[in-house]
């Protein structure tokens, strides 16, 4: 379910965050599903438990997951997406870089939009926010 690439330039904790969010969007994880413990996930991924803990803390801060003392960590039952200005600006900068790169490898606007739509559909992005 959750995979990381230690050679990626993306920090491992961010990869874990993205993997959990993607699994939820794809329906592989649904509200109420129990996630592996920090110790178990760190063992499975062969990463430091502090890395997994950092990812879980950020997911909890975003209200994507919730931890119940003594019971474990679960996909949140009442997640409501919130638009954070900082995250929106980061996303815009990332998209700008993608648009520039697309231009330089010969991908036009419509083709890029098609690629985005394909990816959106693959991850189950049928929700309109």
Protein backbone atom coordinates (compact mmCIF):
# COMPACT_ATOMS: atom_id res chain seq x y z
CA UNK A 1 0.00 0.00 0.00
CA UNK A 2 2.61 2.58 1.04
CA UNK A 3 5.85 2.67 -0.92
CA UNK A 4 8.77 5.07 -0.76
CA UNK A 5 11.77 5.65 -3.00
CA UNK A 6 14.87 6.38 -0.91
CA UNK A 7 16.60 7.76 -4.04
CA UNK A 8 13.89 10.35 -4.68
CA UNK A 9 14.60 14.02 -4.07
CA UNK A 10 11.28 14.16 -2.20
CA UNK A 11 11.80 13.62 1.54
CA UNK A 12 10.57 10.22 2.73
CA UNK A 13 8.07 11.71 5.19
CA UNK A 14 6.48 13.67 2.30
CA UNK A 15 6.36 10.49 0.22
CA UNK A 16 4.50 8.76 3.07
CA UNK A 17 2.04 11.67 3.29
CA UNK A 18 1.44 11.56 -0.46
CA UNK A 19 1.07 7.77 -0.48
CA UNK A 20 -1.54 7.85 2.30
CA UNK A 21 -3.49 10.65 0.59
CA UNK A 22 -3.32 8.85 -2.77
CA UNK A 23 -4.52 5.59 -1.20
CA UNK A 24 -7.49 7.44 0.27
CA UNK A 25 -8.34 9.10 -3.07
CA UNK A 26 -8.10 5.75 -4.87
CA UNK A 27 -10.41 4.17 -2.29
CA UNK A 28 -7.72 1.76 -1.11
CA UNK A 29 -8.11 3.35 2.32
CA UNK A 30 -11.52 4.48 3.50
CA UNK A 31 -12.62 6.45 6.55
CA UNK A 32 -12.23 4.31 9.64
CA UNK A 33 -9.48 2.08 8.21
CA UNK A 34 -6.63 1.41 10.61
CA UNK A 35 -3.14 2.39 9.50
CA UNK A 36 -0.02 0.48 10.49
CA UNK A 37 1.61 1.63 13.71
CA UNK A 38 4.61 3.93 13.43
CA UNK A 39 6.87 1.05 14.42
CA UNK A 40 5.30 -1.38 11.95
CA UNK A 41 5.35 1.03 9.01
CA UNK A 42 8.94 2.07 9.72
CA UNK A 43 9.90 -1.62 9.78
CA UNK A 44 8.02 -2.33 6.52
CA UNK A 45 9.56 0.65 4.72
CA UNK A 46 12.97 0.27 6.38
CA UNK A 47 12.98 3.90 7.52
CA UNK A 48 13.52 5.63 10.83
CA UNK A 49 10.41 5.59 13.08
CA UNK A 50 10.83 9.37 13.54
CA UNK A 51 10.26 9.78 9.79
CA UNK A 52 6.97 7.89 9.93
CA UNK A 53 5.99 9.76 13.09
CA UNK A 54 6.64 13.10 11.34
CA UNK A 55 4.44 12.04 8.41
CA UNK A 56 1.66 10.86 10.72
CA UNK A 57 1.82 14.11 12.73
CA UNK A 58 1.43 16.15 9.53
CA UNK A 59 -1.44 13.97 8.30
CA UNK A 60 -3.09 14.38 11.69
CA UNK A 61 -2.56 18.15 11.60
CA UNK A 62 -4.31 18.17 8.22
CA UNK A 63 -7.09 16.03 9.76
CA UNK A 64 -6.55 13.27 7.20
CA UNK A 65 -5.92 10.73 9.98
CA UNK A 66 -6.59 10.54 13.69
CA UNK A 67 -4.79 8.73 16.46
CA UNK A 68 -6.78 7.22 19.30
CA UNK A 69 -4.63 6.61 22.38
CA UNK A 70 -4.12 2.91 22.93
CA UNK A 71 -6.16 1.96 19.86
CA UNK A 72 -4.09 3.07 16.88
CA UNK A 73 -4.17 5.45 13.94
CA UNK A 74 -7.15 5.59 11.59
CA UNK A 75 -8.25 7.35 8.42
CA UNK A 76 -10.36 10.25 9.65
CA UNK A 77 -14.12 9.83 9.53
CA UNK A 78 -14.77 13.56 9.16
CA UNK A 79 -12.09 14.87 6.82
CA UNK A 80 -12.98 18.15 5.13
CA UNK A 81 -10.44 19.57 2.69
CA UNK A 82 -9.24 23.05 3.61
CA UNK A 83 -7.47 25.43 1.30
CA UNK A 84 -4.29 26.65 2.94
CA UNK A 85 -2.72 29.70 1.28
CA UNK A 86 0.81 28.42 1.84
CA UNK A 87 0.07 25.03 0.28
CA UNK A 88 -1.74 26.68 -2.63
CA UNK A 89 1.30 28.86 -3.34
CA UNK A 90 3.62 25.84 -3.22
CA UNK A 91 1.30 23.99 -5.59
CA UNK A 92 1.22 26.97 -7.98
CA UNK A 93 5.01 27.12 -8.04
CA UNK A 94 5.22 23.38 -8.69
CA UNK A 95 2.68 23.67 -11.50
CA UNK A 96 4.59 26.60 -13.00
CA UNK A 97 7.73 24.47 -13.09
CA UNK A 98 5.78 21.65 -14.73
CA UNK A 99 4.31 23.99 -17.37
CA UNK A 100 7.78 25.37 -18.18
CA UNK A 101 9.24 21.87 -18.41
CA UNK A 102 6.31 20.69 -20.55
CA UNK A 103 6.92 23.56 -22.95
CA UNK A 104 10.59 22.66 -23.30
CA UNK A 105 9.87 19.02 -24.08
CA UNK A 106 7.20 19.88 -26.63
CA UNK A 107 4.00 19.30 -24.67
CA UNK A 108 1.32 21.87 -25.48
CA UNK A 109 -1.39 23.24 -23.22
CA UNK A 110 -4.13 20.83 -24.32
CA UNK A 111 -1.87 17.80 -24.06
CA UNK A 112 -0.78 18.90 -20.57
CA UNK A 113 -4.41 19.37 -19.53
CA UNK A 114 -5.12 15.88 -20.87
CA UNK A 115 -2.27 14.45 -18.82
CA UNK A 116 -3.56 16.19 -15.69
CA UNK A 117 -7.09 14.88 -16.32
CA UNK A 118 -5.77 11.34 -16.79
CA UNK A 119 -3.81 11.50 -13.54
CA UNK A 120 -6.77 13.05 -11.73
CA UNK A 121 -9.01 10.21 -12.90
CA UNK A 122 -6.42 7.56 -12.01
CA UNK A 123 -6.28 8.69 -8.42
CA UNK A 124 -10.03 8.97 -8.08
CA UNK A 125 -10.18 12.73 -8.12
CA UNK A 126 -13.87 12.80 -8.88
CA UNK A 127 -14.55 15.07 -5.93
CA UNK A 128 -15.04 18.72 -6.75
CA UNK A 129 -13.64 21.08 -4.15
